Amino acid sequence: MSSDQPEAAITGLKLRTHTQGDETVIYCIGRLTIEHAEVLKRHGKSVIPQTKRLVLDLKEVNWMDSAGIGALVGLYVSAKKAGCEFLLVNYNKTIRDLLGITHLLSVFETCARAGMRVP
């Protein structure tokens, strides 16, 4: 098991990482906005080569802008290229609506349809 907090933690977004076996979960806490999106992308891309399944837990994300959406899409594309499964879990209604408005909900439909929760 590993845990770390990239540098965005001091500016409004905390990232906590938990790895067990072939799965890595990145818990995002705070605001996923233009100020923090690059940190999430960089951190997520750094763990993709070491994992077969990358899960982003957005339970504690209270705001996301278009840069946050871009970070999610960028990680999704990077994971798929590397043969890594990518899942979004525990996102709130506001984020779900935002993904729906941008027609990206279908990209992440596996979790959306199942309402998947990670303990």
N, C-alpha and C. Protein backbone atom coordinates (compact mmCIF):
# COMPACT_ATOMS: atom_id res chain seq x y z
N MET A 1 0.83 -1.17 0.00
CA MET A 1 0.00 0.00 0.00
C MET A 1 0.88 1.24 0.00
N SER A 2 0.52 2.21 -0.83
CA SER A 2 1.27 3.46 -0.85
C SER A 2 0.31 4.63 -0.68
N SER A 3 0.84 5.72 -0.22
CA SER A 3 0.01 6.91 -0.05
C SER A 3 0.89 8.13 -0.24
N ASP A 4 0.38 9.11 -0.98
CA ASP A 4 1.15 10.33 -1.15
C ASP A 4 0.20 11.48 -1.42
N GLN A 5 0.75 12.70 -1.32
CA GLN A 5 -0.01 13.91 -1.58
C GLN A 5 0.82 14.82 -2.47
N PRO A 6 0.51 14.88 -3.77
CA PRO A 6 1.23 15.78 -4.66
C PRO A 6 1.08 17.24 -4.23
N GLU A 7 1.86 18.11 -4.89
CA GLU A 7 1.97 19.50 -4.46
C GLU A 7 0.68 20.30 -4.51
N ALA A 8 -0.35 19.87 -5.20
CA ALA A 8 -1.61 20.62 -5.25
C ALA A 8 -2.31 20.65 -3.90
N ALA A 9 -1.90 19.79 -2.99
CA ALA A 9 -2.55 19.71 -1.68
C ALA A 9 -2.58 21.05 -0.97
N ILE A 10 -1.58 21.86 -1.18
CA ILE A 10 -1.54 23.14 -0.47
C ILE A 10 -2.41 24.20 -1.13
N THR A 11 -2.91 23.95 -2.34
CA THR A 11 -3.66 24.98 -3.05
C THR A 11 -5.13 24.63 -3.28
N GLY A 12 -5.65 23.59 -2.69
CA GLY A 12 -7.08 23.33 -2.82
C GLY A 12 -7.46 21.96 -3.31
N LEU A 13 -6.52 21.14 -3.72
CA LEU A 13 -6.82 19.77 -4.13
C LEU A 13 -5.83 18.85 -3.45
N LYS A 14 -6.36 17.87 -2.77
CA LYS A 14 -5.51 16.85 -2.17
C LYS A 14 -5.71 15.56 -2.94
N LEU A 15 -4.63 14.85 -3.17
CA LEU A 15 -4.68 13.56 -3.83
C LEU A 15 -4.09 12.53 -2.88
N ARG A 16 -4.86 11.52 -2.58
CA ARG A 16 -4.38 10.42 -1.74
C ARG A 16 -4.42 9.17 -2.59
N THR A 17 -3.35 8.44 -2.63
CA THR A 17 -3.24 7.28 -3.50
C THR A 17 -3.13 6.02 -2.67
N HIS A 18 -3.89 5.02 -3.07
CA HIS A 18 -3.87 3.73 -2.39
C HIS A 18 -3.70 2.66 -3.47
N THR A 19 -2.68 1.85 -3.35
CA THR A 19 -2.42 0.77 -4.31
C THR A 19 -2.50 -0.56 -3.59
N GLN A 20 -3.26 -1.45 -4.19
CA GLN A 20 -3.35 -2.81 -3.66
C GLN A 20 -3.42 -3.76 -4.85
N GLY A 21 -2.44 -4.61 -4.94
CA GLY A 21 -2.39 -5.53 -6.08
C GLY A 21 -2.25 -4.77 -7.38
N ASP A 22 -3.14 -5.09 -8.33
CA ASP A 22 -3.10 -4.45 -9.65
C ASP A 22 -4.00 -3.23 -9.75
N GLU A 23 -4.52 -2.74 -8.63
CA GLU A 23 -5.44 -1.60 -8.65
C GLU A 23 -4.87 -0.44 -7.86
N THR A 24 -4.99 0.75 -8.45
CA THR A 24 -4.59 1.98 -7.79
C THR A 24 -5.80 2.90 -7.74
N VAL A 25 -6.10 3.39 -6.55
CA VAL A 25 -7.20 4.34 -6.37
C VAL A 25 -6.59 5.68 -5.99
N ILE A 26 -6.97 6.72 -6.73
CA ILE A 26 -6.58 8.08 -6.39
C ILE A 26 -7.82 8.77 -5.84
N TYR A 27 -7.75 9.13 -4.57
CA TYR A 27 -8.84 9.85 -3.91
C TYR A 27 -8.59 11.34 -4.11
N CYS A 28 -9.52 12.01 -4.75
CA CYS A 28 -9.41 13.45 -4.99
C CYS A 28 -10.28 14.19 -3.99
N ILE A 29 -9.70 15.18 -3.33
CA ILE A 29 -10.40 15.91 -2.28
C ILE A 29 -10.23 17.40 -2.53
N GLY A 30 -11.34 18.10 -2.74
CA GLY A 30 -11.29 19.54 -2.94
C GLY A 30 -11.82 19.96 -4.29
N ARG A 31 -11.11 20.87 -4.93
CA ARG A 31 -11.54 21.47 -6.20
C ARG A 31 -10.67 20.97 -7.35
N LEU A 32 -11.32 20.44 -8.36
CA LEU A 32 -10.60 19.98 -9.55
C LEU A 32 -10.79 21.04 -10.63
N THR A 33 -9.93 22.04 -10.58
CA THR A 33 -10.05 23.21 -11.45
C THR A 33 -8.74 23.44 -12.21
N ILE A 34 -8.73 24.49 -12.99
CA ILE A 34 -7.56 24.79 -13.82
C ILE A 34 -6.27 24.86 -13.01
N GLU A 35 -6.36 25.31 -11.77
CA GLU A 35 -5.17 25.41 -10.93
C GLU A 35 -4.60 24.04 -10.53
N HIS A 36 -5.44 23.00 -10.60
CA HIS A 36 -5.04 21.70 -10.08
C HIS A 36 -5.05 20.57 -11.11
N ALA A 37 -5.65 20.80 -12.24
CA ALA A 37 -5.85 19.73 -13.23
C ALA A 37 -4.53 19.11 -13.69
N GLU A 38 -3.53 19.92 -13.90
CA GLU A 38 -2.25 19.41 -14.38
C GLU A 38 -1.60 18.49 -13.36
N VAL A 39 -1.74 18.80 -12.07
CA VAL A 39 -1.18 17.96 -11.02
C VAL A 39 -1.85 16.59 -11.02
N LEU A 40 -3.17 16.58 -11.17
CA LEU A 40 -3.89 15.30 -11.24
C LEU A 40 -3.45 14.51 -12.46
N LYS A 41 -3.37 15.15 -13.62
CA LYS A 41 -2.94 14.44 -14.83
C LYS A 41 -1.53 13.86 -14.67
N ARG A 42 -0.63 14.67 -14.18
CA ARG A 42 0.76 14.22 -14.01
C ARG A 42 0.84 13.05 -13.03
N HIS A 43 0.13 13.17 -11.92
CA HIS A 43 0.15 12.11 -10.92
C HIS A 43 -0.50 10.83 -11.47
N GLY A 44 -1.65 10.97 -12.10
CA GLY A 44 -2.33 9.81 -12.67
C GLY A 44 -1.49 9.11 -13.72
N LYS A 45 -0.89 9.89 -14.60
CA LYS A 45 -0.04 9.30 -15.65
C LYS A 45 1.18 8.61 -15.06
N SER A 46 1.65 9.07 -13.92
CA SER A 46 2.83 8.44 -13.31
C SER A 46 2.51 7.06 -12.73
N VAL A 47 1.26 6.81 -12.36
CA VAL A 47 0.91 5.50 -11.80
C VAL A 47 0.39 4.52 -12.84
N ILE A 48 -0.02 5.00 -14.00
CA ILE A 48 -0.58 4.11 -15.03
C ILE A 48 0.36 2.96 -15.40
N PRO A 49 1.65 3.20 -15.60
CA PRO A 49 2.51 2.07 -15.99
C PRO A 49 2.63 0.96 -14.95
N GLN A 50 2.33 1.27 -13.68
CA GLN A 50 2.47 0.27 -12.63
C GLN A 50 1.15 -0.39 -12.22
N THR A 51 0.06 -0.09 -12.90
CA THR A 51 -1.23 -0.63 -12.48
C THR A 51 -2.04 -1.13 -13.67
N LYS A 52 -2.93 -2.05 -13.41
CA LYS A 52 -3.82 -2.55 -14.46
C LYS A 52 -5.20 -1.90 -14.38
N ARG A 53 -5.47 -1.25 -13.24
CA ARG A 53 -6.76 -0.61 -13.05
C ARG A 53 -6.55 0.68 -12.26
N LEU A 54 -6.93 1.79 -12.87
CA LEU A 54 -6.83 3.09 -12.21
C LEU A 54 -8.24 3.58 -11.90
N VAL A 55 -8.48 3.87 -10.63
CA VAL A 55 -9.78 4.33 -10.18
C VAL A 55 -9.62 5.73 -9.61
N LEU A 56 -10.43 6.67 -10.10
CA LEU A 56 -10.46 8.01 -9.53
C LEU A 56 -11.72 8.12 -8.68
N ASP A 57 -11.54 8.33 -7.40
CA ASP A 57 -12.66 8.48 -6.48
C ASP A 57 -12.90 9.97 -6.29
N LEU A 58 -14.04 10.44 -6.78
CA LEU A 58 -14.36 11.87 -6.76
C LEU A 58 -15.36 12.23 -5.67
N LYS A 59 -15.51 11.36 -4.70
CA LYS A 59 -16.49 11.56 -3.64
C LYS A 59 -16.35 12.92 -2.95
N GLU A 60 -15.12 13.36 -2.75
CA GLU A 60 -14.90 14.60 -2.01
C GLU A 60 -14.49 15.77 -2.91
N VAL A 61 -14.80 15.66 -4.20
CA VAL A 61 -14.57 16.79 -5.11
C VAL A 61 -15.81 17.66 -5.05
N ASN A 62 -15.64 18.90 -4.63
CA ASN A 62 -16.79 19.77 -4.48
C ASN A 62 -16.98 20.75 -5.63
N TRP A 63 -16.02 20.80 -6.55
CA TRP A 63 -16.16 21.66 -7.72
C TRP A 63 -15.23 21.18 -8.82
N MET A 64 -15.72 21.22 -10.07
CA MET A 64 -14.89 20.84 -11.20
C MET A 64 -15.21 21.77 -12.36
N ASP A 65 -14.18 22.25 -13.05
CA ASP A 65 -14.38 23.08 -14.22
C ASP A 65 -13.93 22.33 -15.47
N SER A 66 -13.87 23.04 -16.60
CA SER A 66 -13.53 22.38 -17.87
C SER A 66 -12.11 21.81 -17.86
N ALA A 67 -11.20 22.43 -17.13
CA ALA A 67 -9.85 21.88 -17.04
C ALA A 67 -9.86 20.55 -16.28
N GLY A 68 -10.73 20.44 -15.28
CA GLY A 68 -10.89 19.18 -14.56
C GLY A 68 -11.42 18.10 -15.47
N ILE A 69 -12.39 18.45 -16.30
CA ILE A 69 -12.91 17.49 -17.29
C ILE A 69 -11.79 17.07 -18.23
N GLY A 70 -11.00 18.04 -18.66
CA GLY A 70 -9.87 17.73 -19.54
C GLY A 70 -8.89 16.77 -18.90
N ALA A 71 -8.65 16.94 -17.61
CA ALA A 71 -7.74 16.04 -16.89
C ALA A 71 -8.31 14.62 -16.87
N LEU A 72 -9.62 14.49 -16.63
CA LEU A 72 -10.24 13.17 -16.61
C LEU A 72 -10.14 12.50 -17.98
N VAL A 73 -10.43 13.25 -19.02
CA VAL A 73 -10.36 12.70 -20.38
C VAL A 73 -8.92 12.33 -20.72
N GLY A 74 -7.97 13.19 -20.37
CA GLY A 74 -6.56 12.89 -20.64
C GLY A 74 -6.10 11.62 -19.94
N LEU A 75 -6.51 11.43 -18.70
CA LEU A 75 -6.15 10.21 -17.98
C LEU A 75 -6.83 8.99 -18.58
N TYR A 76 -8.08 9.16 -18.99
CA TYR A 76 -8.81 8.07 -19.63
C TYR A 76 -8.07 7.60 -20.89
N VAL A 77 -7.69 8.56 -21.74
CA VAL A 77 -6.99 8.23 -22.98
C VAL A 77 -5.64 7.58 -22.69
N SER A 78 -4.88 8.12 -21.75
CA SER A 78 -3.58 7.55 -21.40
C SER A 78 -3.72 6.12 -20.87
N ALA A 79 -4.73 5.92 -20.02
CA ALA A 79 -4.94 4.58 -19.47
C ALA A 79 -5.31 3.60 -20.56
N LYS A 80 -6.22 3.98 -21.42
CA LYS A 80 -6.63 3.07 -22.50
C LYS A 80 -5.46 2.72 -23.41
N LYS A 81 -4.64 3.69 -23.74
CA LYS A 81 -3.46 3.44 -24.59
C LYS A 81 -2.50 2.46 -23.93
N ALA A 82 -2.44 2.48 -22.60
CA ALA A 82 -1.53 1.61 -21.86
C ALA A 82 -2.17 0.27 -21.50
N GLY A 83 -3.42 0.06 -21.92
CA GLY A 83 -4.10 -1.19 -21.59
C GLY A 83 -4.54 -1.25 -20.13
N CYS A 84 -4.75 -0.10 -19.55
CA CYS A 84 -5.13 0.01 -18.15
C CYS A 84 -6.62 0.36 -18.08
N GLU A 85 -7.36 -0.34 -17.25
CA GLU A 85 -8.77 -0.03 -17.06
C GLU A 85 -8.87 1.28 -16.27
N PHE A 86 -9.81 2.14 -16.64
CA PHE A 86 -9.98 3.43 -16.00
C PHE A 86 -11.41 3.59 -15.54
N LEU A 87 -11.59 3.93 -14.27
CA LEU A 87 -12.94 4.09 -13.72
C LEU A 87 -13.05 5.37 -12.91
N LEU A 88 -14.21 6.01 -13.02
CA LEU A 88 -14.57 7.11 -12.14
C LEU A 88 -15.62 6.58 -11.18
N VAL A 89 -15.46 6.89 -9.91
CA VAL A 89 -16.44 6.42 -8.93
C VAL A 89 -16.79 7.54 -7.96
N ASN A 90 -17.96 7.38 -7.35
CA ASN A 90 -18.42 8.23 -6.26
C ASN A 90 -18.51 9.71 -6.62
N TYR A 91 -18.84 10.03 -7.85
CA TYR A 91 -18.99 11.44 -8.18
C TYR A 91 -20.40 11.90 -7.86
N ASN A 92 -20.52 13.17 -7.51
CA ASN A 92 -21.80 13.71 -7.09
C ASN A 92 -22.68 14.09 -8.28
N LYS A 93 -23.89 14.52 -8.00
CA LYS A 93 -24.86 14.86 -9.04
C LYS A 93 -24.36 16.01 -9.92
N THR A 94 -23.71 16.99 -9.33
CA THR A 94 -23.20 18.12 -10.11
C THR A 94 -22.18 17.65 -11.14
N ILE A 95 -21.26 16.78 -10.74
CA ILE A 95 -20.26 16.27 -11.68
C ILE A 95 -20.92 15.38 -12.72
N ARG A 96 -21.87 14.57 -12.29
CA ARG A 96 -22.60 13.71 -13.23
C ARG A 96 -23.31 14.57 -14.27
N ASP A 97 -23.97 15.64 -13.84
CA ASP A 97 -24.66 16.54 -14.77
C ASP A 97 -23.67 17.20 -15.72
N LEU A 98 -22.52 17.61 -15.20
CA LEU A 98 -21.49 18.24 -16.02
C LEU A 98 -20.99 17.27 -17.09
N LEU A 99 -20.75 16.02 -16.70
CA LEU A 99 -20.33 15.02 -17.68
C LEU A 99 -21.43 14.76 -18.70
N GLY A 100 -22.68 14.81 -18.26
CA GLY A 100 -23.80 14.62 -19.18
C GLY A 100 -23.93 15.76 -20.18
N ILE A 101 -23.81 16.99 -19.70
CA ILE A 101 -23.92 18.17 -20.57
C ILE A 101 -22.83 18.15 -21.64
N THR A 102 -21.66 17.69 -21.27
CA THR A 102 -20.53 17.67 -22.21
C THR A 102 -20.49 16.39 -23.04
N HIS A 103 -21.52 15.55 -22.89
CA HIS A 103 -21.63 14.28 -23.61
C HIS A 103 -20.47 13.32 -23.31
N LEU A 104 -19.92 13.44 -22.12
CA LEU A 104 -18.84 12.56 -21.71
C LEU A 104 -19.30 11.47 -20.76
N LEU A 105 -20.53 11.54 -20.31
CA LEU A 105 -21.01 10.54 -19.37
C LEU A 105 -20.92 9.15 -19.99
N SER A 106 -21.20 9.05 -21.29
CA SER A 106 -21.13 7.74 -21.95
C SER A 106 -19.71 7.19 -21.99
N VAL A 107 -18.71 8.07 -21.97
CA VAL A 107 -17.32 7.62 -21.95
C VAL A 107 -17.05 6.86 -20.65
N PHE A 108 -17.65 7.35 -19.58
CA PHE A 108 -17.46 6.74 -18.27
C PHE A 108 -18.69 5.93 -17.85
N GLU A 109 -19.45 5.45 -18.82
CA GLU A 109 -20.76 4.85 -18.54
C GLU A 109 -20.71 3.60 -17.68
N THR A 110 -19.65 2.85 -17.68
CA THR A 110 -19.58 1.64 -16.86
C THR A 110 -19.86 1.97 -15.41
N CYS A 111 -19.20 2.97 -14.89
CA CYS A 111 -19.42 3.36 -13.50
C CYS A 111 -20.75 4.07 -13.33
N ALA A 112 -21.10 4.91 -14.28
CA ALA A 112 -22.33 5.68 -14.16
C ALA A 112 -23.54 4.76 -14.13
N ARG A 113 -23.55 3.77 -15.00
CA ARG A 113 -24.67 2.85 -15.08
C ARG A 113 -24.78 2.00 -13.83
N ALA A 114 -23.65 1.55 -13.33
CA ALA A 114 -23.65 0.65 -12.18
C ALA A 114 -23.74 1.41 -10.86
N GLY A 115 -23.49 2.71 -10.91
CA GLY A 115 -23.46 3.48 -9.66
C GLY A 115 -22.41 2.93 -8.72
N MET A 116 -21.29 2.52 -9.28
CA MET A 116 -20.24 1.83 -8.55
C MET A 116 -19.74 2.65 -7.38
N ARG A 117 -19.52 2.01 -6.29
CA ARG A 117 -18.95 2.63 -5.10
C ARG A 117 -17.72 1.85 -4.68
N VAL A 118 -16.71 2.56 -4.27
CA VAL A 118 -15.52 1.94 -3.73
C VAL A 118 -15.46 2.29 -2.26
N PRO A 119 -15.33 1.31 -1.38
CA PRO A 119 -15.30 1.62 0.05
C PRO A 119 -14.13 2.53 0.41
